[in-house]
């Protein structure tokens, strides 16, 4: 179950990164593209690295009883 969650997290990150990159490239004026690509790369890296860290066992996802103080 944990592995499935981790793989799904990585796939969502990759898909979001590709979609954001394509939309940023084709829908923004020339002078705004570099900043948008940097933001999109950050979003992509955040999702993909979270999934990879869970797969490697470095980070454990929150369990339902861990949420809320």
PDB file of N, CA and C in Angstrom:
ATOM      1  N   UNK A   1       0.831  -1.196   0.000  1.00  0.00           N
ATOM      2  CA  UNK A   1       0.000   0.000   0.000  1.00  0.00           C
ATOM      3  C   UNK A   1       0.871   1.254   0.000  1.00  0.00           C
ATOM      4  N   UNK A   2       1.907   1.217   0.832  1.00  0.00           N
ATOM      5  CA  UNK A   2       2.807   2.369   0.894  1.00  0.00           C
ATOM      6  C   UNK A   2       3.525   2.579  -0.436  1.00  0.00           C
ATOM      7  N   UNK A   3       3.953   1.475  -1.049  1.00  0.00           N
ATOM      8  CA  UNK A   3       4.636   1.587  -2.332  1.00  0.00           C
ATOM      9  C   UNK A   3       3.701   2.137  -3.401  1.00  0.00           C
ATOM     10  N   UNK A   4       2.448   1.695  -3.387  1.00  0.00           N
ATOM     11  CA  UNK A   4       1.464   2.192  -4.352  1.00  0.00           C
ATOM     12  C   UNK A   4       1.254   3.691  -4.175  1.00  0.00           C
ATOM     13  N   UNK A   5       1.120   4.120  -2.925  1.00  0.00           N
ATOM     14  CA  UNK A   5       0.946   5.539  -2.642  1.00  0.00           C
ATOM     15  C   UNK A   5       2.147   6.342  -3.134  1.00  0.00           C
ATOM     16  N   UNK A   6       3.330   5.816  -2.919  1.00  0.00           N
ATOM     17  CA  UNK A   6       4.545   6.518  -3.313  1.00  0.00           C
ATOM     18  C   UNK A   6       4.651   6.638  -4.828  1.00  0.00           C
ATOM     19  N   UNK A   7       4.337   5.558  -5.526  1.00  0.00           N
ATOM     20  CA  UNK A   7       4.401   5.588  -6.985  1.00  0.00           C
ATOM     21  C   UNK A   7       3.352   6.552  -7.529  1.00  0.00           C
ATOM     22  N   UNK A   8       2.158   6.536  -6.951  1.00  0.00           N
ATOM     23  CA  UNK A   8       1.129   7.479  -7.393  1.00  0.00           C
ATOM     24  C   UNK A   8       1.562   8.916  -7.152  1.00  0.00           C
ATOM     25  N   UNK A   9       2.211   9.168  -6.022  1.00  0.00           N
ATOM     26  CA  UNK A   9       2.691  10.524  -5.741  1.00  0.00           C
ATOM     27  C   UNK A   9       3.718  10.960  -6.780  1.00  0.00           C
ATOM     28  N   UNK A  10       4.625  10.054  -7.131  1.00  0.00           N
ATOM     29  CA  UNK A  10       5.628  10.394  -8.148  1.00  0.00           C
ATOM     30  C   UNK A  10       4.962  10.644  -9.505  1.00  0.00           C
ATOM     31  N   UNK A  11       4.001   9.801  -9.867  1.00  0.00           N
ATOM     32  CA  UNK A  11       3.341   9.969 -11.164  1.00  0.00           C
ATOM     33  C   UNK A  11       2.558  11.276 -11.215  1.00  0.00           C
ATOM     34  N   UNK A  12       1.884  11.622 -10.125  1.00  0.00           N
ATOM     35  CA  UNK A  12       1.163  12.891 -10.081  1.00  0.00           C
ATOM     36  C   UNK A  12       2.142  14.047 -10.228  1.00  0.00           C
ATOM     37  N   UNK A  13       3.287  13.937  -9.551  1.00  0.00           N
ATOM     38  CA  UNK A  13       4.287  14.996  -9.658  1.00  0.00           C
ATOM     39  C   UNK A  13       4.810  15.146 -11.073  1.00  0.00           C
ATOM     40  N   UNK A  14       5.101  14.022 -11.722  1.00  0.00           N
ATOM     41  CA  UNK A  14       5.605  14.079 -13.093  1.00  0.00           C
ATOM     42  C   UNK A  14       4.554  14.647 -14.035  1.00  0.00           C
ATOM     43  N   UNK A  15       3.312  14.193 -13.893  1.00  0.00           N
ATOM     44  CA  UNK A  15       2.242  14.677 -14.760  1.00  0.00           C
ATOM     45  C   UNK A  15       2.003  16.172 -14.557  1.00  0.00           C
ATOM     46  N   UNK A  16       1.966  16.596 -13.294  1.00  0.00           N
ATOM     47  CA  UNK A  16       1.768  18.016 -13.012  1.00  0.00           C
ATOM     48  C   UNK A  16       2.922  18.839 -13.572  1.00  0.00           C
ATOM     49  N   UNK A  17       4.136  18.330 -13.426  1.00  0.00           N
ATOM     50  CA  UNK A  17       5.285  19.057 -13.950  1.00  0.00           C
ATOM     51  C   UNK A  17       5.221  19.222 -15.451  1.00  0.00           C
ATOM     52  N   UNK A  18       4.889  18.155 -16.160  1.00  0.00           N
ATOM     53  CA  UNK A  18       4.808  18.234 -17.618  1.00  0.00           C
ATOM     54  C   UNK A  18       3.695  19.194 -18.042  1.00  0.00           C
ATOM     55  N   UNK A  19       2.541  19.095 -17.396  1.00  0.00           N
ATOM     56  CA  UNK A  19       1.428  19.962 -17.773  1.00  0.00           C
ATOM     57  C   UNK A  19       1.751  21.431 -17.506  1.00  0.00           C
ATOM     58  N   UNK A  20       2.333  21.707 -16.335  1.00  0.00           N
ATOM     59  CA  UNK A  20       2.661  23.093 -16.003  1.00  0.00           C
ATOM     60  C   UNK A  20       3.743  23.637 -16.932  1.00  0.00           C
ATOM     61  N   UNK A  21       4.731  22.803 -17.259  1.00  0.00           N
ATOM     62  CA  UNK A  21       5.781  23.265 -18.160  1.00  0.00           C
ATOM     63  C   UNK A  21       5.202  23.606 -19.523  1.00  0.00           C
ATOM     64  N   UNK A  22       4.376  22.714 -20.056  1.00  0.00           N
ATOM     65  CA  UNK A  22       3.814  22.968 -21.385  1.00  0.00           C
ATOM     66  C   UNK A  22       2.933  24.208 -21.381  1.00  0.00           C
ATOM     67  N   UNK A  23       2.094  24.359 -20.351  1.00  0.00           N
ATOM     68  CA  UNK A  23       1.220  25.530 -20.313  1.00  0.00           C
ATOM     69  C   UNK A  23       2.036  26.809 -20.139  1.00  0.00           C
ATOM     70  N   UNK A  24       3.102  26.732 -19.356  1.00  0.00           N
ATOM     71  CA  UNK A  24       3.924  27.925 -19.152  1.00  0.00           C
ATOM     72  C   UNK A  24       4.654  28.304 -20.432  1.00  0.00           C
ATOM     73  N   UNK A  25       5.122  27.298 -21.167  1.00  0.00           N
ATOM     74  CA  UNK A  25       5.875  27.601 -22.381  1.00  0.00           C
ATOM     75  C   UNK A  25       4.977  28.233 -23.441  1.00  0.00           C
ATOM     76  N   UNK A  26       3.798  27.666 -23.626  1.00  0.00           N
ATOM     77  CA  UNK A  26       2.988  28.077 -24.774  1.00  0.00           C
ATOM     78  C   UNK A  26       1.996  29.186 -24.471  1.00  0.00           C
ATOM     79  N   UNK A  27       1.700  29.474 -23.210  1.00  0.00           N
ATOM     80  CA  UNK A  27       0.637  30.431 -22.917  1.00  0.00           C
ATOM     81  C   UNK A  27       1.140  31.745 -22.333  1.00  0.00           C
ATOM     82  N   UNK A  28       2.431  31.857 -22.074  1.00  0.00           N
ATOM     83  CA  UNK A  28       2.946  33.085 -21.489  1.00  0.00           C
ATOM     84  C   UNK A  28       3.760  33.866 -22.510  1.00  0.00           C
ATOM     85  N   UNK A  29       3.816  35.181 -22.342  1.00  0.00           N
ATOM     86  CA  UNK A  29       4.694  35.969 -23.201  1.00  0.00           C
ATOM     87  C   UNK A  29       6.161  35.621 -22.965  1.00  0.00           C
ATOM     88  N   UNK A  30       6.992  35.969 -23.916  1.00  0.00           N
ATOM     89  CA  UNK A  30       8.406  35.584 -23.873  1.00  0.00           C
ATOM     90  C   UNK A  30       9.103  36.014 -22.590  1.00  0.00           C
ATOM     91  N   UNK A  31       8.823  37.215 -22.107  1.00  0.00           N
ATOM     92  CA  UNK A  31       9.588  37.736 -20.970  1.00  0.00           C
ATOM     93  C   UNK A  31       9.195  37.089 -19.649  1.00  0.00           C
ATOM     94  N   UNK A  32       8.068  36.386 -19.578  1.00  0.00           N
ATOM     95  CA  UNK A  32       7.645  35.756 -18.326  1.00  0.00           C
ATOM     96  C   UNK A  32       7.967  34.270 -18.269  1.00  0.00           C
ATOM     97  N   UNK A  33       8.438  33.700 -19.349  1.00  0.00           N
ATOM     98  CA  UNK A  33       8.624  32.249 -19.384  1.00  0.00           C
ATOM     99  C   UNK A  33       9.687  31.723 -18.425  1.00  0.00           C
ATOM    100  N   UNK A  34      10.849  32.362 -18.282  1.00  0.00           N
ATOM    101  CA  UNK A  34      11.871  31.775 -17.388  1.00  0.00           C
ATOM    102  C   UNK A  34      11.394  31.639 -15.946  1.00  0.00           C
ATOM    103  N   UNK A  35      10.726  32.661 -15.404  1.00  0.00           N
ATOM    104  CA  UNK A  35      10.239  32.581 -14.022  1.00  0.00           C
ATOM    105  C   UNK A  35       9.184  31.505 -13.859  1.00  0.00           C
ATOM    106  N   UNK A  36       8.291  31.411 -14.831  1.00  0.00           N
ATOM    107  CA  UNK A  36       7.238  30.396 -14.753  1.00  0.00           C
ATOM    108  C   UNK A  36       7.828  28.993 -14.813  1.00  0.00           C
ATOM    109  N   UNK A  37       8.835  28.812 -15.643  1.00  0.00           N
ATOM    110  CA  UNK A  37       9.465  27.491 -15.727  1.00  0.00           C
ATOM    111  C   UNK A  37      10.169  27.142 -14.423  1.00  0.00           C
ATOM    112  N   UNK A  38      10.751  28.128 -13.759  1.00  0.00           N
ATOM    113  CA  UNK A  38      11.393  27.872 -12.471  1.00  0.00           C
ATOM    114  C   UNK A  38      10.383  27.451 -11.412  1.00  0.00           C
ATOM    115  N   UNK A  39       9.234  28.134 -11.384  1.00  0.00           N
ATOM    116  CA  UNK A  39       8.184  27.779 -10.425  1.00  0.00           C
ATOM    117  C   UNK A  39       7.665  26.377 -10.712  1.00  0.00           C
ATOM    118  N   UNK A  40       7.454  26.067 -11.991  1.00  0.00           N
ATOM    119  CA  UNK A  40       6.939  24.749 -12.365  1.00  0.00           C
ATOM    120  C   UNK A  40       7.940  23.654 -12.017  1.00  0.00           C
ATOM    121  N   UNK A  41       9.211  23.935 -12.229  1.00  0.00           N
ATOM    122  CA  UNK A  41      10.222  22.944 -11.878  1.00  0.00           C
ATOM    123  C   UNK A  41      10.220  22.703 -10.373  1.00  0.00           C
ATOM    124  N   UNK A  42      10.003  23.740  -9.589  1.00  0.00           N
ATOM    125  CA  UNK A  42       9.932  23.578  -8.134  1.00  0.00           C
ATOM    126  C   UNK A  42       8.747  22.722  -7.720  1.00  0.00           C
ATOM    127  N   UNK A  43       7.596  22.954  -8.338  1.00  0.00           N
ATOM    128  CA  UNK A  43       6.407  22.151  -8.029  1.00  0.00           C
ATOM    129  C   UNK A  43       6.652  20.700  -8.412  1.00  0.00           C
ATOM    130  N   UNK A  44       7.207  20.477  -9.594  1.00  0.00           N
ATOM    131  CA  UNK A  44       7.493  19.118 -10.052  1.00  0.00           C
ATOM    132  C   UNK A  44       8.446  18.422  -9.095  1.00  0.00           C
ATOM    133  N   UNK A  45       9.498  19.117  -8.695  1.00  0.00           N
ATOM    134  CA  UNK A  45      10.498  18.514  -7.810  1.00  0.00           C
ATOM    135  C   UNK A  45       9.902  18.186  -6.447  1.00  0.00           C
ATOM    136  N   UNK A  46       9.019  19.056  -5.957  1.00  0.00           N
ATOM    137  CA  UNK A  46       8.411  18.826  -4.652  1.00  0.00           C
ATOM    138  C   UNK A  46       7.614  17.518  -4.655  1.00  0.00           C
ATOM    139  N   UNK A  47       6.773  17.326  -5.658  1.00  0.00           N
ATOM    140  CA  UNK A  47       5.954  16.116  -5.708  1.00  0.00           C
ATOM    141  C   UNK A  47       6.815  14.882  -5.951  1.00  0.00           C
ATOM    142  N   UNK A  48       7.703  14.964  -6.925  1.00  0.00           N
ATOM    143  CA  UNK A  48       8.496  13.790  -7.285  1.00  0.00           C
ATOM    144  C   UNK A  48       9.434  13.400  -6.148  1.00  0.00           C
ATOM    145  N   UNK A  49      10.051  14.377  -5.499  1.00  0.00           N
ATOM    146  CA  UNK A  49      10.988  14.038  -4.422  1.00  0.00           C
ATOM    147  C   UNK A  49      10.247  13.482  -3.220  1.00  0.00           C
ATOM    148  N   UNK A  50       9.030  13.956  -2.963  1.00  0.00           N
ATOM    149  CA  UNK A  50       8.260  13.399  -1.847  1.00  0.00           C
ATOM    150  C   UNK A  50       7.996  11.916  -2.095  1.00  0.00           C
ATOM    151  N   UNK A  51       7.593  11.579  -3.306  1.00  0.00           N
ATOM    152  CA  UNK A  51       7.350  10.176  -3.622  1.00  0.00           C
ATOM    153  C   UNK A  51       8.612   9.342  -3.522  1.00  0.00           C
ATOM    154  N   UNK A  52       9.734   9.873  -3.989  1.00  0.00           N
ATOM    155  CA  UNK A  52      10.984   9.113  -3.940  1.00  0.00           C
ATOM    156  C   UNK A  52      11.452   8.907  -2.504  1.00  0.00           C
ATOM    157  N   UNK A  53      11.302   9.933  -1.653  1.00  0.00           N
ATOM    158  CA  UNK A  53      11.715   9.787  -0.262  1.00  0.00           C
ATOM    159  C   UNK A  53      10.877   8.731   0.446  1.00  0.00           C
ATOM    160  N   UNK A  54       9.586   8.666   0.120  1.00  0.00           N
ATOM    161  CA  UNK A  54       8.732   7.654   0.743  1.00  0.00           C
ATOM    162  C   UNK A  54       9.146   6.270   0.261  1.00  0.00           C
ATOM    163  N   UNK A  55       9.445   6.155  -1.035  1.00  0.00           N
ATOM    164  CA  UNK A  55       9.874   4.853  -1.566  1.00  0.00           C
ATOM    165  C   UNK A  55      11.152   4.396  -0.877  1.00  0.00           C
ATOM    166  N   UNK A  56      12.080   5.315  -0.673  1.00  0.00           N
ATOM    167  CA  UNK A  56      13.356   4.959  -0.050  1.00  0.00           C
ATOM    168  C   UNK A  56      13.233   4.732   1.455  1.00  0.00           C
ATOM    169  N   UNK A  57      12.089   5.084   2.029  1.00  0.00           N
ATOM    170  CA  UNK A  57      11.886   4.866   3.453  1.00  0.00           C
ATOM    171  C   UNK A  57      12.454   5.953   4.332  1.00  0.00           C
ATOM    172  N   UNK A  58      12.843   7.084   3.750  1.00  0.00           N
ATOM    173  CA  UNK A  58      13.404   8.176   4.538  1.00  0.00           C
ATOM    174  C   UNK A  58      12.286   8.948   5.240  1.00  0.00           C
ATOM    175  N   UNK A  59      11.162   9.086   4.565  1.00  0.00           N
ATOM    176  CA  UNK A  59      10.022   9.820   5.107  1.00  0.00           C
ATOM    177  C   UNK A  59       8.834   8.876   5.132  1.00  0.00           C
ATOM    178  N   UNK A  60       8.096   8.899   6.229  1.00  0.00           N
ATOM    179  CA  UNK A  60       6.884   8.093   6.295  1.00  0.00           C
ATOM    180  C   UNK A  60       5.674   9.009   6.122  1.00  0.00           C
ATOM    181  N   UNK A  61       4.694   8.585   5.330  1.00  0.00           N
ATOM    182  CA  UNK A  61       3.503   9.411   5.162  1.00  0.00           C
ATOM    183  C   UNK A  61       2.692   9.465   6.453  1.00  0.00           C
ATOM    184  N   UNK A  62       1.889  10.516   6.600  1.00  0.00           N
ATOM    185  CA  UNK A  62       1.074  10.661   7.793  1.00  0.00           C
ATOM    186  C   UNK A  62       0.003   9.579   7.832  1.00  0.00           C
ATOM    187  N   UNK A  63      -0.183   9.037   9.004  1.00  0.00           N
ATOM    188  CA  UNK A  63      -1.286   8.103   9.211  1.00  0.00           C
ATOM    189  C   UNK A  63      -2.492   8.912   9.694  1.00  0.00           C
ATOM    190  N   UNK A  64      -3.692   8.377   9.558  1.00  0.00           N
ATOM    191  CA  UNK A  64      -4.870   9.162   9.955  1.00  0.00           C
ATOM    192  C   UNK A  64      -4.831   9.640  11.404  1.00  0.00           C
ATOM    193  N   UNK A  65      -4.252   8.861  12.323  1.00  0.00           N
ATOM    194  CA  UNK A  65      -4.222   9.288  13.719  1.00  0.00           C
ATOM    195  C   UNK A  65      -3.112  10.292  14.009  1.00  0.00           C
ATOM    196  N   UNK A  66      -2.196  10.514  13.040  1.00  0.00           N
ATOM    197  CA  UNK A  66      -1.124  11.500  13.235  1.00  0.00           C
ATOM    198  C   UNK A  66      -1.591  12.910  12.910  1.00  0.00           C
ATOM    199  N   UNK A  67      -2.653  13.027  12.152  1.00  0.00           N
ATOM    200  CA  UNK A  67      -3.088  14.353  11.719  1.00  0.00           C
ATOM    201  C   UNK A  67      -3.819  15.039  12.859  1.00  0.00           C
ATOM    202  N   UNK A  68      -3.647  16.336  12.940  1.00  0.00           N
ATOM    203  CA  UNK A  68      -4.291  17.093  14.000  1.00  0.00           C
ATOM    204  C   UNK A  68      -3.521  16.949  15.296  1.00  0.00           C
ATOM    205  N   UNK A  69      -3.316  18.070  15.949  1.00  0.00           N
ATOM    206  CA  UNK A  69      -2.555  18.031  17.189  1.00  0.00           C
ATOM    207  C   UNK A  69      -3.481  17.709  18.332  1.00  0.00           C
TER     208      UNK A  69
END
